[in-house]
C-alpha atoms as a PDB file:
ATOM      1  CA  MET A   1     -25.052 -19.741 -91.568  1.00  0.00           C
ATOM      2  CA  THR A   2     -27.772 -19.090 -94.140  1.00  0.00           C
ATOM      3  CA  VAL A   3     -30.811 -21.225 -94.864  1.00  0.00           C
ATOM      4  CA  VAL A   4     -32.277 -20.485 -98.302  1.00  0.00           C
ATOM      5  CA  GLY A   5     -36.021 -21.121 -98.184  1.00  0.00           C
ATOM      6  CA  ALA A   6     -38.737 -20.346 -95.633  1.00  0.00           C
ATOM      7  CA  GLY A   7     -41.067 -23.298 -96.189  1.00  0.00           C
ATOM      8  CA  ILE A   8     -41.385 -26.119 -93.689  1.00  0.00           C
ATOM      9  CA  VAL A   9     -38.185 -27.833 -94.918  1.00  0.00           C
ATOM     10  CA  GLY A  10     -36.081 -24.698 -94.451  1.00  0.00           C
ATOM     11  CA  LEU A  11     -37.689 -23.808 -91.115  1.00  0.00           C
ATOM     12  CA  ALA A  12     -37.158 -27.311 -89.726  1.00  0.00           C
ATOM     13  CA  ALA A  13     -33.487 -27.150 -90.721  1.00  0.00           C
ATOM     14  CA  ALA A  14     -33.151 -23.694 -89.161  1.00  0.00           C
ATOM     15  CA  SER A  15     -34.669 -24.989 -85.927  1.00  0.00           C
ATOM     16  CA  ARG A  16     -32.242 -27.888 -85.673  1.00  0.00           C
ATOM     17  CA  LEU A  17     -29.291 -25.613 -86.396  1.00  0.00           C
ATOM     18  CA  LEU A  18     -30.387 -23.205 -83.680  1.00  0.00           C
ATOM     19  CA  ASP A  19     -30.418 -26.221 -81.352  1.00  0.00           C
ATOM     20  CA  ARG A  20     -26.725 -26.679 -82.127  1.00  0.00           C
ATOM     21  CA  GLY A  21     -25.831 -23.077 -81.399  1.00  0.00           C
ATOM     22  CA  TRP A  22     -25.524 -21.775 -84.953  1.00  0.00           C
ATOM     23  CA  ARG A  23     -26.371 -18.168 -85.782  1.00  0.00           C
ATOM     24  CA  VAL A  24     -29.027 -18.628 -88.448  1.00  0.00           C
ATOM     25  CA  THR A  25     -30.326 -16.348 -91.180  1.00  0.00           C
ATOM     26  CA  VAL A  26     -33.352 -17.545 -93.161  1.00  0.00           C
ATOM     27  CA  LEU A  27     -33.245 -16.033 -96.636  1.00  0.00           C
ATOM     28  CA  ALA A  28     -36.251 -16.225 -98.971  1.00  0.00           C
ATOM     29  CA  ASP A  29     -37.776 -14.238-101.789  1.00  0.00           C
ATOM     30  CA  ARG A  30     -41.214 -14.232-100.138  1.00  0.00           C
ATOM     31  CA  PRO A  31     -42.702 -14.556 -96.654  1.00  0.00           C
ATOM     32  CA  THR A  32     -43.522 -18.007 -95.300  1.00  0.00           C
ATOM     33  CA  ALA A  33     -47.241 -17.220 -95.622  1.00  0.00           C
ATOM     34  CA  GLU A  34     -46.765 -17.129 -99.414  1.00  0.00           C
ATOM     35  CA  SER A  35     -44.884 -20.436 -99.607  1.00  0.00           C
ATOM     36  CA  THR A  36     -46.189 -23.709-100.995  1.00  0.00           C
ATOM     37  CA  SER A  37     -46.012 -25.088 -97.452  1.00  0.00           C
ATOM     38  CA  HIS A  38     -48.690 -22.631 -96.333  1.00  0.00           C
ATOM     39  CA  LEU A  39     -51.160 -24.151 -98.826  1.00  0.00           C
ATOM     40  CA  ALA A  40     -50.428 -27.770 -97.946  1.00  0.00           C
ATOM     41  CA  ALA A  41     -53.027 -30.152 -96.568  1.00  0.00           C
ATOM     42  CA  ALA A  42     -50.101 -31.138 -94.339  1.00  0.00           C
ATOM     43  CA  VAL A  43     -50.956 -34.648 -93.163  1.00  0.00           C
ATOM     44  CA  TRP A  44     -48.121 -37.110 -92.658  1.00  0.00           C
ATOM     45  CA  PHE A  45     -48.214 -39.452 -95.667  1.00  0.00           C
ATOM     46  CA  PRO A  46     -45.361 -40.217 -98.108  1.00  0.00           C
ATOM     47  CA  THR A  47     -46.381 -38.801-101.494  1.00  0.00           C
ATOM     48  CA  ARG A  48     -44.310 -38.414-104.669  1.00  0.00           C
ATOM     49  CA  ALA A  49     -40.923 -38.795-102.951  1.00  0.00           C
ATOM     50  CA  ALA A  50     -38.049 -41.250-103.382  1.00  0.00           C
ATOM     51  CA  PRO A  51     -35.967 -43.314-102.690  1.00  0.00           C
ATOM     52  CA  ARG A  52     -38.166 -45.411-100.439  1.00  0.00           C
ATOM     53  CA  ASP A  53     -35.487 -46.508 -97.972  1.00  0.00           C
ATOM     54  CA  ARG A  54     -34.396 -42.969 -97.194  1.00  0.00           C
ATOM     55  CA  VAL A  55     -37.964 -41.639 -97.311  1.00  0.00           C
ATOM     56  CA  LEU A  56     -38.937 -44.267 -94.733  1.00  0.00           C
ATOM     57  CA  ALA A  57     -36.099 -43.223 -92.406  1.00  0.00           C
ATOM     58  CA  TRP A  58     -36.748 -39.494 -92.782  1.00  0.00           C
ATOM     59  CA  GLY A  59     -40.501 -40.067 -92.519  1.00  0.00           C
ATOM     60  CA  ALA A  60     -40.183 -42.114 -89.317  1.00  0.00           C
ATOM     61  CA  ALA A  61     -38.042 -39.420 -87.686  1.00  0.00           C
ATOM     62  CA  THR A  62     -40.503 -36.707 -88.762  1.00  0.00           C
ATOM     63  CA  TYR A  63     -43.462 -38.739 -87.502  1.00  0.00           C
ATOM     64  CA  ALA A  64     -41.798 -39.058 -84.096  1.00  0.00           C
ATOM     65  CA  GLU A  65     -41.016 -35.329 -83.952  1.00  0.00           C
ATOM     66  CA  LEU A  66     -44.505 -34.208 -84.968  1.00  0.00           C
ATOM     67  CA  ALA A  67     -46.180 -36.701 -82.648  1.00  0.00           C
ATOM     68  CA  ASP A  68     -44.105 -35.277 -79.809  1.00  0.00           C
ATOM     69  CA  GLN A  69     -45.063 -31.744 -80.818  1.00  0.00           C
ATOM     70  CA  ALA A  70     -48.726 -32.771 -80.801  1.00  0.00           C
ATOM     71  CA  ARG A  71     -48.399 -34.249 -77.306  1.00  0.00           C
ATOM     72  CA  ARG A  72     -46.747 -31.042 -76.100  1.00  0.00           C
ATOM     73  CA  GLY A  73     -49.429 -28.823 -77.576  1.00  0.00           C
ATOM     74  CA  VAL A  74     -47.319 -27.063 -80.212  1.00  0.00           C
ATOM     75  CA  PRO A  75     -49.775 -24.766 -82.038  1.00  0.00           C
ATOM     76  CA  GLY A  76     -51.318 -26.288 -85.140  1.00  0.00           C
ATOM     77  CA  VAL A  77     -50.001 -29.841 -84.667  1.00  0.00           C
ATOM     78  CA  VAL A  78     -52.374 -32.695 -83.782  1.00  0.00           C
ATOM     79  CA  LEU A  79     -52.472 -36.485 -84.055  1.00  0.00           C
ATOM     80  CA  ARG A  80     -55.373 -37.404 -86.314  1.00  0.00           C
ATOM     81  CA  GLU A  81     -57.031 -40.814 -86.555  1.00  0.00           C
ATOM     82  CA  SER A  82     -56.886 -41.910 -90.195  1.00  0.00           C
ATOM     83  CA  LEU A  83     -58.445 -44.429 -92.538  1.00  0.00           C
ATOM     84  CA  THR A  84     -57.132 -45.481 -95.935  1.00  0.00           C
ATOM     85  CA  LEU A  85     -59.682 -47.181 -98.199  1.00  0.00           C
ATOM     86  CA  HIS A  86     -58.956 -50.001-100.639  1.00  0.00           C
ATOM     87  CA  ARG A  87     -60.890 -52.146-103.115  1.00  0.00           C
ATOM     88  CA  GLU A  88     -58.292 -54.919-102.888  1.00  0.00           C
ATOM     89  CA  ASP A  89     -56.350 -56.254 -99.904  1.00  0.00           C
ATOM     90  CA  PRO A  90     -53.517 -53.694 -99.489  1.00  0.00           C
ATOM     91  CA  GLY A  91     -51.293 -55.889 -97.358  1.00  0.00           C
ATOM     92  CA  GLU A  92     -48.830 -53.972 -95.221  1.00  0.00           C
ATOM     93  CA  PRO A  93     -47.849 -50.585 -96.697  1.00  0.00           C
ATOM     94  CA  TRP A  94     -44.132 -49.982 -97.242  1.00  0.00           C
ATOM     95  CA  TRP A  95     -44.308 -47.038 -94.817  1.00  0.00           C
ATOM     96  CA  ALA A  96     -46.052 -48.965 -92.024  1.00  0.00           C
ATOM     97  CA  ALA A  97     -42.972 -49.164 -89.779  1.00  0.00           C
ATOM     98  CA  ALA A  98     -42.946 -45.378 -89.459  1.00  0.00           C
ATOM     99  CA  VAL A  99     -46.426 -45.052 -87.960  1.00  0.00           C
ATOM    100  CA  GLY A 100     -46.367 -47.752 -85.294  1.00  0.00           C
ATOM    101  CA  ASP A 101     -49.851 -49.050 -84.530  1.00  0.00           C
ATOM    102  CA  LEU A 102     -51.657 -49.964 -87.750  1.00  0.00           C
ATOM    103  CA  ARG A 103     -54.584 -52.352 -88.079  1.00  0.00           C
ATOM    104  CA  ALA A 104     -57.151 -53.560 -90.566  1.00  0.00           C
ATOM    105  CA  ALA A 105     -60.341 -51.499 -90.459  1.00  0.00           C
ATOM    106  CA  ARG A 106     -63.436 -53.249 -89.160  1.00  0.00           C
ATOM    107  CA  ARG A 107     -66.397 -53.717 -91.459  1.00  0.00           C
ATOM    108  CA  GLU A 108     -68.474 -51.105 -89.616  1.00  0.00           C
ATOM    109  CA  GLU A 109     -65.692 -48.543 -90.124  1.00  0.00           C
ATOM    110  CA  LEU A 110     -65.814 -48.822 -93.937  1.00  0.00           C
ATOM    111  CA  PRO A 111     -68.094 -46.810 -96.227  1.00  0.00           C
ATOM    112  CA  SER A 112     -70.183 -48.549 -98.881  1.00  0.00           C
ATOM    113  CA  GLY A 113     -68.157 -50.033-101.740  1.00  0.00           C
ATOM    114  CA  TYR A 114     -64.945 -50.564 -99.799  1.00  0.00           C
ATOM    115  CA  PRO A 115     -64.124 -54.080 -98.554  1.00  0.00           C
ATOM    116  CA  TYR A 116     -60.727 -53.128 -97.118  1.00  0.00           C
ATOM    117  CA  GLY A 117     -59.227 -50.328 -95.073  1.00  0.00           C
ATOM    118  CA  LEU A 118     -56.351 -49.536 -92.731  1.00  0.00           C
ATOM    119  CA  ARG A 119     -56.598 -47.574 -89.475  1.00  0.00           C
ATOM    120  CA  PHE A 120     -53.745 -45.649 -87.872  1.00  0.00           C
ATOM    121  CA  ALA A 121     -52.966 -42.222 -86.415  1.00  0.00           C
ATOM    122  CA  VAL A 122     -50.756 -39.648 -88.109  1.00  0.00           C
ATOM    123  CA  PRO A 123     -49.752 -36.037 -87.419  1.00  0.00           C
ATOM    124  CA  LEU A 124     -51.743 -33.302 -89.103  1.00  0.00           C
ATOM    125  CA  VAL A 125     -50.321 -29.783 -89.227  1.00  0.00           C
ATOM    126  CA  GLU A 126     -52.658 -26.829 -89.666  1.00  0.00           C
ATOM    127  CA  MET A 127     -50.232 -24.706 -91.638  1.00  0.00           C
ATOM    128  CA  PRO A 128     -52.011 -21.323 -91.298  1.00  0.00           C
ATOM    129  CA  VAL A 129     -51.647 -21.774 -87.518  1.00  0.00           C
ATOM    130  CA  HIS A 130     -48.341 -23.605 -87.246  1.00  0.00           C
ATOM    131  CA  LEU A 131     -46.125 -21.784 -89.756  1.00  0.00           C
ATOM    132  CA  PRO A 132     -46.621 -18.287 -88.261  1.00  0.00           C
ATOM    133  CA  TRP A 133     -45.975 -19.747 -84.812  1.00  0.00           C
ATOM    134  CA  LEU A 134     -42.833 -21.574 -85.949  1.00  0.00           C
ATOM    135  CA  THR A 135     -41.508 -18.474 -87.721  1.00  0.00           C
ATOM    136  CA  GLU A 136     -42.048 -16.338 -84.611  1.00  0.00           C
ATOM    137  CA  HIS A 137     -40.584 -19.065 -82.398  1.00  0.00           C
ATOM    138  CA  LEU A 138     -37.392 -19.189 -84.465  1.00  0.00           C
ATOM    139  CA  ALA A 139     -37.114 -15.403 -84.451  1.00  0.00           C
ATOM    140  CA  GLU A 140     -37.454 -15.359 -80.661  1.00  0.00           C
ATOM    141  CA  ARG A 141     -34.572 -17.811 -80.475  1.00  0.00           C
ATOM    142  CA  GLY A 142     -32.348 -15.573 -82.580  1.00  0.00           C
ATOM    143  CA  ALA A 143     -33.029 -16.494 -86.202  1.00  0.00           C
ATOM    144  CA  ARG A 144     -32.926 -13.564 -88.587  1.00  0.00           C
ATOM    145  CA  PHE A 145     -35.358 -13.453 -91.525  1.00  0.00           C
ATOM    146  CA  VAL A 146     -34.289 -11.647 -94.688  1.00  0.00           C
ATOM    147  CA  THR A 147     -36.422 -11.227 -97.803  1.00  0.00           C
ATOM    148  CA  ARG A 148     -34.318 -11.083-100.930  1.00  0.00           C
ATOM    149  CA  HIS A 149     -34.532 -12.552-104.404  1.00  0.00           C
ATOM    150  CA  LEU A 150     -31.519 -14.579-105.540  1.00  0.00           C
ATOM    151  CA  THR A 151     -30.766 -15.291-109.173  1.00  0.00           C
ATOM    152  CA  ARG A 152     -28.130 -17.938-108.372  1.00  0.00           C
ATOM    153  CA  LEU A 153     -27.521 -20.068-105.303  1.00  0.00           C
ATOM    154  CA  ASP A 154     -23.867 -18.989-105.497  1.00  0.00           C
ATOM    155  CA  GLU A 155     -25.006 -15.552-104.260  1.00  0.00           C
ATOM    156  CA  ALA A 156     -26.389 -16.992-101.026  1.00  0.00           C
ATOM    157  CA  ALA A 157     -23.337 -16.825 -98.742  1.00  0.00           C
ATOM    158  CA  GLY A 158     -23.021 -13.045 -98.932  1.00  0.00           C
ATOM    159  CA  ALA A 159     -26.621 -12.125 -99.719  1.00  0.00           C
ATOM    160  CA  ALA A 160     -27.770 -11.305 -96.188  1.00  0.00           C
ATOM    161  CA  ASP A 161     -24.587  -9.569 -95.013  1.00  0.00           C
ATOM    162  CA  PRO A 162     -21.839  -9.036 -97.620  1.00  0.00           C
ATOM    163  CA  ALA A 163     -19.394  -7.909 -94.921  1.00  0.00           C
ATOM    164  CA  HIS A 164     -19.820 -11.179 -93.017  1.00  0.00           C
ATOM    165  CA  PRO A 165     -20.535 -14.006 -95.476  1.00  0.00           C
ATOM    166  CA  ALA A 166     -22.109 -17.183 -94.179  1.00  0.00           C
ATOM    167  CA  ASP A 167     -19.735 -20.058 -93.424  1.00  0.00           C
ATOM    168  CA  LEU A 168     -22.391 -22.598 -94.489  1.00  0.00           C
ATOM    169  CA  VAL A 169     -25.478 -22.510 -96.727  1.00  0.00           C
ATOM    170  CA  VAL A 170     -28.441 -24.866 -96.486  1.00  0.00           C
ATOM    171  CA  ALA A 171     -30.323 -24.855 -99.777  1.00  0.00           C
ATOM    172  CA  ALA A 172     -34.020 -25.561 -99.191  1.00  0.00           C
ATOM    173  CA  PRO A 173     -35.572 -23.388-101.923  1.00  0.00           C
ATOM    174  CA  GLY A 174     -38.247 -25.844-103.051  1.00  0.00           C
ATOM    175  CA  LEU A 175     -39.290 -25.404-106.660  1.00  0.00           C
ATOM    176  CA  ALA A 176     -36.908 -22.433-107.046  1.00  0.00           C
ATOM    177  CA  ALA A 177     -34.029 -24.934-106.998  1.00  0.00           C
ATOM    178  CA  ARG A 178     -34.764 -25.542-110.668  1.00  0.00           C
ATOM    179  CA  GLU A 179     -33.327 -22.127-111.550  1.00  0.00           C
ATOM    180  CA  LEU A 180     -31.190 -21.259-108.515  1.00  0.00           C
ATOM    181  CA  VAL A 181     -28.961 -24.325-108.283  1.00  0.00           C
ATOM    182  CA  PRO A 182     -29.685 -24.870-111.205  1.00  0.00           C
ATOM    183  CA  ASP A 183     -31.315 -28.317-111.168  1.00  0.00           C
ATOM    184  CA  PRO A 184     -33.520 -29.017-114.211  1.00  0.00           C
ATOM    185  CA  SER A 185     -34.655 -32.328-112.678  1.00  0.00           C
ATOM    186  CA  VAL A 186     -36.873 -30.320-110.293  1.00  0.00           C
ATOM    187  CA  VAL A 187     -40.400 -30.142-111.695  1.00  0.00           C
ATOM    188  CA  PRO A 188     -43.719 -28.824-110.386  1.00  0.00           C
ATOM    189  CA  VAL A 189     -46.433 -31.244-109.395  1.00  0.00           C
ATOM    190  CA  ARG A 190     -49.622 -29.223-109.245  1.00  0.00           C
ATOM    191  CA  GLY A 191     -52.008 -29.886-106.399  1.00  0.00           C
ATOM    192  CA  GLN A 192     -55.490 -28.428-106.113  1.00  0.00           C
ATOM    193  CA  ILE A 193     -57.458 -28.619-102.872  1.00  0.00           C
ATOM    194  CA  VAL A 194     -60.872 -27.455-101.709  1.00  0.00           C
ATOM    195  CA  ARG A 195     -61.592 -26.043 -98.269  1.00  0.00           C
ATOM    196  CA  VAL A 196     -65.072 -26.703 -96.862  1.00  0.00           C
ATOM    197  CA  SER A 197     -66.869 -26.173 -93.572  1.00  0.00           C
ATOM    198  CA  ASN A 198     -66.557 -28.976 -91.052  1.00  0.00           C
ATOM    199  CA  PRO A 199     -69.843 -30.833 -90.456  1.00  0.00           C
ATOM    200  CA  GLY A 200     -68.386 -32.497 -87.363  1.00  0.00           C
ATOM    201  CA  LEU A 201     -65.667 -34.715 -88.855  1.00  0.00           C
ATOM    202  CA  THR A 202     -62.656 -35.881 -86.848  1.00  0.00           C
ATOM    203  CA  LEU A 203     -61.365 -38.778 -88.998  1.00  0.00           C
ATOM    204  CA  SER A 204     -58.984 -38.315 -91.949  1.00  0.00           C
ATOM    205  CA  VAL A 205     -59.994 -40.546 -94.877  1.00  0.00           C
ATOM    206  CA  ARG A 206     -58.234 -41.198 -98.174  1.00  0.00           C
ATOM    207  CA  ASP A 207     -58.504 -43.331-101.309  1.00  0.00           C
ATOM    208  CA  GLU A 208     -55.371 -43.049-103.415  1.00  0.00           C
ATOM    209  CA  ALA A 209     -56.947 -45.176-106.183  1.00  0.00           C
ATOM    210  CA  HIS A 210     -60.410 -43.614-106.519  1.00  0.00           C
ATOM    211  CA  PRO A 211     -61.617 -44.013-110.134  1.00  0.00           C
ATOM    212  CA  GLY A 212     -62.074 -40.254-110.377  1.00  0.00           C
ATOM    213  CA  GLY A 213     -58.596 -39.444-109.038  1.00  0.00           C
ATOM    214  CA  ARG A 214     -56.972 -39.338-105.623  1.00  0.00           C
ATOM    215  CA  ALA A 215     -59.331 -38.410-102.845  1.00  0.00           C
ATOM    216  CA  TYR A 216     -58.553 -37.334 -99.301  1.00  0.00           C
ATOM    217  CA  VAL A 217     -60.548 -35.722 -96.513  1.00  0.00           C
ATOM    218  CA  HIS A 218     -58.573 -34.041 -93.722  1.00  0.00           C
ATOM    219  CA  PRO A 219     -60.577 -32.376 -90.928  1.00  0.00           C
ATOM    220  CA  ARG A 220     -58.971 -29.418 -89.192  1.00  0.00           C
ATOM    221  CA  THR A 221     -60.222 -27.341 -86.286  1.00  0.00           C
ATOM    222  CA  ASP A 222     -62.520 -25.043 -88.238  1.00  0.00           C
ATOM    223  CA  ASP A 223     -62.648 -26.564 -91.731  1.00  0.00           C
ATOM    224  CA  VAL A 224     -61.904 -29.650 -93.831  1.00  0.00           C
ATOM    225  CA  ILE A 225     -59.324 -29.931 -96.622  1.00  0.00           C
ATOM    226  CA  LEU A 226     -60.460 -31.990 -99.611  1.00  0.00           C
ATOM    227  CA  GLY A 227     -58.108 -33.122-102.332  1.00  0.00           C
ATOM    228  CA  GLY A 228     -56.622 -33.514-104.604  1.00  0.00           C
ATOM    229  CA  THR A 229     -54.493 -33.701-107.713  1.00  0.00           C
ATOM    230  CA  LEU A 230     -50.962 -34.723-108.694  1.00  0.00           C
ATOM    231  CA  ASP A 231     -50.536 -32.948-112.033  1.00  0.00           C
ATOM    232  CA  GLU A 232     -46.987 -33.627-113.176  1.00  0.00           C
ATOM    233  CA  ASP A 233     -45.022 -30.764-114.764  1.00  0.00           C
ATOM    234  CA  SER A 234     -47.944 -28.323-114.593  1.00  0.00           C
ATOM    235  CA  TRP A 235     -47.163 -24.687-113.735  1.00  0.00           C
ATOM    236  CA  ASP A 236     -50.769 -23.484-113.572  1.00  0.00           C
ATOM    237  CA  THR A 237     -51.677 -22.138-110.119  1.00  0.00           C
ATOM    238  CA  THR A 238     -55.184 -21.050-111.145  1.00  0.00           C
ATOM    239  CA  ALA A 239     -57.809 -23.082-109.323  1.00  0.00           C
ATOM    240  CA  ASP A 240     -60.115 -24.820-111.810  1.00  0.00           C
ATOM    241  CA  PRO A 241     -63.856 -24.863-110.873  1.00  0.00           C
ATOM    242  CA  ALA A 242     -64.505 -28.169-112.656  1.00  0.00           C
ATOM    243  CA  THR A 243     -61.613 -29.813-110.841  1.00  0.00           C
ATOM    244  CA  ALA A 244     -62.890 -28.431-107.537  1.00  0.00           C
ATOM    245  CA  ALA A 245     -66.352 -29.873-108.170  1.00  0.00           C
ATOM    246  CA  ALA A 246     -64.857 -33.265-109.034  1.00  0.00           C
ATOM    247  CA  ILE A 247     -62.788 -33.247-105.843  1.00  0.00           C
ATOM    248  CA  VAL A 248     -65.862 -32.517-103.726  1.00  0.00           C
ATOM    249  CA  ALA A 249     -67.839 -35.258-105.501  1.00  0.00           C
ATOM    250  CA  ARG A 250     -65.289 -38.030-104.982  1.00  0.00           C
ATOM    251  CA  CYS A 251     -64.556 -36.972-101.413  1.00  0.00           C
ATOM    252  CA  THR A 252     -68.290 -37.153-100.702  1.00  0.00           C
ATOM    253  CA  ASP A 253     -68.142 -40.761-101.963  1.00  0.00           C
ATOM    254  CA  LEU A 254     -65.734 -41.433 -99.091  1.00  0.00           C
ATOM    255  CA  VAL A 255     -67.505 -39.324 -96.469  1.00  0.00           C
ATOM    256  CA  PRO A 256     -71.224 -38.780 -97.219  1.00  0.00           C
ATOM    257  CA  GLU A 257     -71.485 -36.200 -94.404  1.00  0.00           C
ATOM    258  CA  LEU A 258     -69.666 -33.786 -96.713  1.00  0.00           C
ATOM    259  CA  ALA A 259     -72.903 -33.295 -98.608  1.00  0.00           C
ATOM    260  CA  ARG A 260     -73.799 -30.857 -95.799  1.00  0.00           C
ATOM    261  CA  ALA A 261     -70.506 -28.950 -96.046  1.00  0.00           C
ATOM    262  CA  ARG A 262     -70.231 -25.469 -97.503  1.00  0.00           C
ATOM    263  CA  VAL A 263     -67.384 -24.707 -99.920  1.00  0.00           C
ATOM    264  CA  LEU A 264     -65.153 -22.003 -98.450  1.00  0.00           C
ATOM    265  CA  GLY A 265     -62.537 -21.789-101.184  1.00  0.00           C
ATOM    266  CA  THR A 266     -60.185 -23.636-103.502  1.00  0.00           C
ATOM    267  CA  VAL A 267     -56.488 -23.133-104.235  1.00  0.00           C
ATOM    268  CA  ALA A 268     -53.756 -24.728-106.309  1.00  0.00           C
ATOM    269  CA  GLY A 269     -50.072 -24.948-105.439  1.00  0.00           C
ATOM    270  CA  LEU A 270     -46.927 -26.415-106.945  1.00  0.00           C
ATOM    271  CA  ARG A 271     -45.093 -29.189-105.112  1.00  0.00           C
ATOM    272  CA  PRO A 272     -41.311 -29.263-105.741  1.00  0.00           C
ATOM    273  CA  ALA A 273     -40.551 -32.757-107.053  1.00  0.00           C
ATOM    274  CA  ARG A 274     -37.531 -34.508-108.573  1.00  0.00           C
ATOM    275  CA  PRO A 275     -36.690 -38.173-109.228  1.00  0.00           C
ATOM    276  CA  THR A 276     -35.237 -38.407-105.695  1.00  0.00           C
ATOM    277  CA  VAL A 277     -35.090 -36.015-102.766  1.00  0.00           C
ATOM    278  CA  ARG A 278     -31.753 -34.219-102.874  1.00  0.00           C
ATOM    279  CA  LEU A 279     -30.119 -34.270 -99.462  1.00  0.00           C
ATOM    280  CA  GLU A 280     -26.379 -34.072-100.013  1.00  0.00           C
ATOM    281  CA  ARG A 281     -23.321 -31.917 -99.449  1.00  0.00           C
ATOM    282  CA  GLY A 282     -21.429 -29.766-101.922  1.00  0.00           C
ATOM    283  CA  THR A 283     -19.742 -26.395-102.340  1.00  0.00           C
ATOM    284  CA  LEU A 284     -20.713 -23.098-103.926  1.00  0.00           C
ATOM    285  CA  ALA A 285     -18.550 -21.410-106.561  1.00  0.00           C
ATOM    286  CA  ASP A 286     -16.731 -19.393-103.867  1.00  0.00           C
ATOM    287  CA  GLY A 287     -15.939 -22.540-101.874  1.00  0.00           C
ATOM    288  CA  THR A 288     -18.654 -22.082 -99.230  1.00  0.00           C
ATOM    289  CA  PRO A 289     -19.996 -25.458 -98.071  1.00  0.00           C
ATOM    290  CA  VAL A 290     -23.613 -26.107 -99.014  1.00  0.00           C
ATOM    291  CA  ILE A 291     -26.093 -28.740 -97.906  1.00  0.00           C
ATOM    292  CA  HIS A 292     -28.833 -29.330-100.467  1.00  0.00           C
ATOM    293  CA  ASP A 293     -32.250 -30.176 -98.987  1.00  0.00           C
ATOM    294  CA  TYR A 294     -34.984 -30.025-101.620  1.00  0.00           C
ATOM    295  CA  GLY A 295     -37.141 -32.041-104.002  1.00  0.00           C
ATOM    296  CA  HIS A 296     -39.561 -33.446-101.420  1.00  0.00           C
ATOM    297  CA  GLY A 297     -42.535 -33.564-103.798  1.00  0.00           C
ATOM    298  CA  GLY A 298     -45.778 -33.929-101.849  1.00  0.00           C
ATOM    299  CA  SER A 299     -43.899 -35.006 -98.711  1.00  0.00           C
ATOM    300  CA  GLY A 300     -42.468 -31.781 -97.306  1.00  0.00           C
ATOM    301  CA  VAL A 301     -44.330 -32.063 -94.013  1.00  0.00           C
ATOM    302  CA  THR A 302     -43.734 -35.830 -93.966  1.00  0.00           C
ATOM    303  CA  LEU A 303     -39.952 -35.604 -94.329  1.00  0.00           C
ATOM    304  CA  ALA A 304     -38.900 -32.142 -93.118  1.00  0.00           C
ATOM    305  CA  TRP A 305     -37.745 -32.964 -89.583  1.00  0.00           C
ATOM    306  CA  GLY A 306     -35.996 -36.200 -90.541  1.00  0.00           C
ATOM    307  CA  CYS A 307     -34.066 -34.342 -93.228  1.00  0.00           C
ATOM    308  CA  ALA A 308     -33.337 -31.545 -90.749  1.00  0.00           C
ATOM    309  CA  ASP A 309     -31.750 -34.080 -88.391  1.00  0.00           C
ATOM    310  CA  GLU A 310     -29.367 -35.062 -91.165  1.00  0.00           C
ATOM    311  CA  VAL A 311     -28.649 -31.416 -92.001  1.00  0.00           C
ATOM    312  CA  GLU A 312     -27.808 -30.844 -88.343  1.00  0.00           C
ATOM    313  CA  ARG A 313     -25.300 -33.712 -88.279  1.00  0.00           C
ATOM    314  CA  TRP A 314     -23.704 -32.706 -91.537  1.00  0.00           C
ATOM    315  CA  ALA A 315     -23.472 -29.039 -90.582  1.00  0.00           C
ATOM    316  CA  ASP A 316     -21.125 -29.800 -87.702  1.00  0.00           C
ATOM    317  CA  GLU A 317     -19.084 -32.143 -89.879  1.00  0.00           C
ATOM    318  CA  VAL A 318     -18.814 -29.619 -92.699  1.00  0.00           C
ATOM    319  CA  ALA A 319     -17.753 -26.828 -90.368  1.00  0.00           C
ATOM    320  CA  GLY A 320     -15.511 -29.063 -88.256  1.00  0.00           C
ATOM    321  CA  LEU A 321     -17.348 -27.985 -85.120  1.00  0.00           C
ATOM    322  CA  ALA A 322     -18.779 -29.809 -82.121  1.00  0.00           C
ATOM    323  CA  ARG A 323     -21.425 -27.667 -80.523  1.00  0.00           C
ATOM    324  CA  ARG A 324     -23.371 -28.583 -77.409  1.00  0.00           C
ATOM    325  CA  PRO A 325     -27.090 -29.251 -78.111  1.00  0.00           C
ATOM    326  CA  GLY A 326     -29.539 -26.657 -76.916  1.00  0.00           C
ATOM    327  CA  PRO A 327     -32.795 -27.299 -75.052  1.00  0.00           C
ATOM    328  CA  GLY A 328     -34.679 -28.527 -78.115  1.00  0.00           C
ATOM    329  CA  VAL A 329     -37.302 -27.065 -80.409  1.00  0.00           C
ATOM    330  CA  PRO A 330     -40.109 -26.589 -80.829  1.00  0.00           C
ATOM    331  CA  GLY A 331     -41.421 -26.394 -77.309  1.00  0.00           C
END
């Protein structure tokens, strides 16, 4: 079986398939460290993904998986206390059922200018730590990683080993799905973030409706990720200094302690979005079964493991197999 794509969506699917006893090859045109996933702020929060009912189900399953990983000490995964800020009463968010305990923020927990807030805990994944660990972990369990550029998804079954074509392909190529599948409904949503030194922060804070643009502050072990942008249909991956300065300014509105932080760098990446996440079955031109798993927008980390659970179930159905579950991953 071949998984096309080495971002978090493809790696989560590969992990679940290894659980079921499949021999897995992960095929990508670049290493995981060069993927969009590696740049992600990577905090659980549904962003630019639909439809809501399925996103809620996938998101709840992913929340549970990542929370369990955090409890077990999987490298790079932690549960982070979070605060969303609001100028009007937000009511109960549509995604509230996925996170469990959620409460109104107390007055003393709110910065100046914000009469409302919500407190809850969500998983945060430090991608520069977690993705190399997950890649190595999968390789230790038997996954094979092959770097090769495909021009069409129909090439995938025989790309890694023409003498022994894959009996199933999982297509998780992110933005490349636009050309590979091809699926012209896949569009880039540019996101720019700024990395700063951590002045002692432990609380994630966000304001999705800041007058200057979305603002979020996500502390990690050694730095803080500040964001960000949702620039629809923009292919520009050059970080803009003016945008970076604006991000720092509005994030400092949320967390004044950031005035002491030193800017360490800024990057821009392209989220792979479409009108709805595509998680469905099909066939390639040669008849090989394919499971499409792409179009997660800004919710790759938020949905990856829930989608992987569905890929796992479908894989056995597609192949007509019933394999005994393995010991579970990661661990």
